[in-house]
């Protein structure tokens, strides 16, 4: 089974956000912005703050690295 990971890159002028990109397991899109579902809850981001959204597949048994690359456990 494959799981997708989403990376939401924010515009450089956005303040009060700890990191960019934000990593999430699910995104909900609404008229005014999107909810990013994270391990510790979810964050709402108005579209004016969002620069780009990336979707990356994580195959079963694989592990996501900090750069968004996937490594299979058999490669270790």
C-alpha atoms as a PDB file:
ATOM      1  CA  UNK A   1       0.000   0.000   0.000  1.00  0.00           C
ATOM      2  CA  UNK A   2       1.279   3.441  -0.831  1.00  0.00           C
ATOM      3  CA  UNK A   3       0.935   6.552   1.274  1.00  0.00           C
ATOM      4  CA  UNK A   4       1.206  10.057  -0.090  1.00  0.00           C
ATOM      5  CA  UNK A   5       3.025  12.883   1.631  1.00  0.00           C
ATOM      6  CA  UNK A   6       2.270  16.506   0.800  1.00  0.00           C
ATOM      7  CA  UNK A   7       4.690  19.414   1.040  1.00  0.00           C
ATOM      8  CA  UNK A   8       3.193  22.920   1.177  1.00  0.00           C
ATOM      9  CA  UNK A   9       5.769  25.584   0.345  1.00  0.00           C
ATOM     10  CA  UNK A  10       4.995  29.038   1.688  1.00  0.00           C
ATOM     11  CA  UNK A  11       5.785  32.420   0.216  1.00  0.00           C
ATOM     12  CA  UNK A  12       8.919  33.987   1.672  1.00  0.00           C
ATOM     13  CA  UNK A  13       7.044  36.927   3.210  1.00  0.00           C
ATOM     14  CA  UNK A  14       4.831  34.718   5.424  1.00  0.00           C
ATOM     15  CA  UNK A  15       5.482  35.263   9.130  1.00  0.00           C
ATOM     16  CA  UNK A  16       4.640  33.224  12.244  1.00  0.00           C
ATOM     17  CA  UNK A  17       5.223  29.842  10.610  1.00  0.00           C
ATOM     18  CA  UNK A  18       7.961  27.616  11.993  1.00  0.00           C
ATOM     19  CA  UNK A  19       9.011  25.863   8.814  1.00  0.00           C
ATOM     20  CA  UNK A  20       8.487  25.746   5.101  1.00  0.00           C
ATOM     21  CA  UNK A  21       7.622  23.434   3.548  1.00  0.00           C
ATOM     22  CA  UNK A  22       4.938  22.110   5.857  1.00  0.00           C
ATOM     23  CA  UNK A  23       4.661  18.325   5.604  1.00  0.00           C
ATOM     24  CA  UNK A  24       1.251  16.702   5.785  1.00  0.00           C
ATOM     25  CA  UNK A  25      -0.491  13.399   5.235  1.00  0.00           C
ATOM     26  CA  UNK A  26      -3.691  14.906   3.802  1.00  0.00           C
ATOM     27  CA  UNK A  27      -4.864  18.225   2.358  1.00  0.00           C
ATOM     28  CA  UNK A  28      -8.384  19.651   2.349  1.00  0.00           C
ATOM     29  CA  UNK A  29      -9.020  22.428  -0.176  1.00  0.00           C
ATOM     30  CA  UNK A  30     -11.610  25.148   0.495  1.00  0.00           C
ATOM     31  CA  UNK A  31     -12.592  28.421  -1.180  1.00  0.00           C
ATOM     32  CA  UNK A  32     -10.260  30.560   0.957  1.00  0.00           C
ATOM     33  CA  UNK A  33      -7.366  28.190   1.721  1.00  0.00           C
ATOM     34  CA  UNK A  34      -6.311  24.693   2.638  1.00  0.00           C
ATOM     35  CA  UNK A  35      -6.055  22.570   5.756  1.00  0.00           C
ATOM     36  CA  UNK A  36      -2.790  20.651   6.119  1.00  0.00           C
ATOM     37  CA  UNK A  37      -3.239  17.518   8.250  1.00  0.00           C
ATOM     38  CA  UNK A  38      -0.091  16.856  10.295  1.00  0.00           C
ATOM     39  CA  UNK A  39       0.924  14.338  12.962  1.00  0.00           C
ATOM     40  CA  UNK A  40       0.148  16.787  15.775  1.00  0.00           C
ATOM     41  CA  UNK A  41      -3.042  18.287  14.331  1.00  0.00           C
ATOM     42  CA  UNK A  42      -3.802  20.442  11.316  1.00  0.00           C
ATOM     43  CA  UNK A  43      -2.999  23.939  10.076  1.00  0.00           C
ATOM     44  CA  UNK A  44      -5.111  26.284   7.948  1.00  0.00           C
ATOM     45  CA  UNK A  45      -3.283  28.325   5.310  1.00  0.00           C
ATOM     46  CA  UNK A  46      -4.940  31.032   3.197  1.00  0.00           C
ATOM     47  CA  UNK A  47      -4.071  30.630  -0.499  1.00  0.00           C
ATOM     48  CA  UNK A  48      -2.307  34.022  -0.390  1.00  0.00           C
ATOM     49  CA  UNK A  49       0.404  32.384   1.759  1.00  0.00           C
ATOM     50  CA  UNK A  50       0.876  29.268  -0.406  1.00  0.00           C
ATOM     51  CA  UNK A  51       3.563  29.239  -3.072  1.00  0.00           C
ATOM     52  CA  UNK A  52       3.427  25.588  -4.185  1.00  0.00           C
ATOM     53  CA  UNK A  53       2.063  22.171  -3.166  1.00  0.00           C
ATOM     54  CA  UNK A  54       3.962  18.955  -3.898  1.00  0.00           C
ATOM     55  CA  UNK A  55       2.662  15.393  -3.650  1.00  0.00           C
ATOM     56  CA  UNK A  56       5.134  12.549  -3.162  1.00  0.00           C
ATOM     57  CA  UNK A  57       4.296   8.844  -3.079  1.00  0.00           C
ATOM     58  CA  UNK A  58       5.710   6.719  -0.305  1.00  0.00           C
ATOM     59  CA  UNK A  59       5.550   3.022  -1.277  1.00  0.00           C
ATOM     60  CA  UNK A  60       4.772   0.489   1.436  1.00  0.00           C
ATOM     61  CA  UNK A  61       7.876  -0.464   3.374  1.00  0.00           C
ATOM     62  CA  UNK A  62       9.606   2.738   2.310  1.00  0.00           C
ATOM     63  CA  UNK A  63      10.654   5.578   4.513  1.00  0.00           C
ATOM     64  CA  UNK A  64      10.581   9.273   3.666  1.00  0.00           C
ATOM     65  CA  UNK A  65      13.818  11.185   4.134  1.00  0.00           C
ATOM     66  CA  UNK A  66      14.019  14.859   5.076  1.00  0.00           C
ATOM     67  CA  UNK A  67      14.476  15.910   1.438  1.00  0.00           C
ATOM     68  CA  UNK A  68      11.324  14.110   0.342  1.00  0.00           C
ATOM     69  CA  UNK A  69      13.154  11.165  -1.268  1.00  0.00           C
ATOM     70  CA  UNK A  70      11.949   7.656  -0.592  1.00  0.00           C
ATOM     71  CA  UNK A  71      14.272   4.882   0.487  1.00  0.00           C
ATOM     72  CA  UNK A  72      13.149   1.279   0.539  1.00  0.00           C
ATOM     73  CA  UNK A  73      14.095  -0.736   3.623  1.00  0.00           C
ATOM     74  CA  UNK A  74      15.772  -3.292   1.355  1.00  0.00           C
ATOM     75  CA  UNK A  75      18.265  -0.592   0.296  1.00  0.00           C
ATOM     76  CA  UNK A  76      19.651  -0.282   3.841  1.00  0.00           C
END
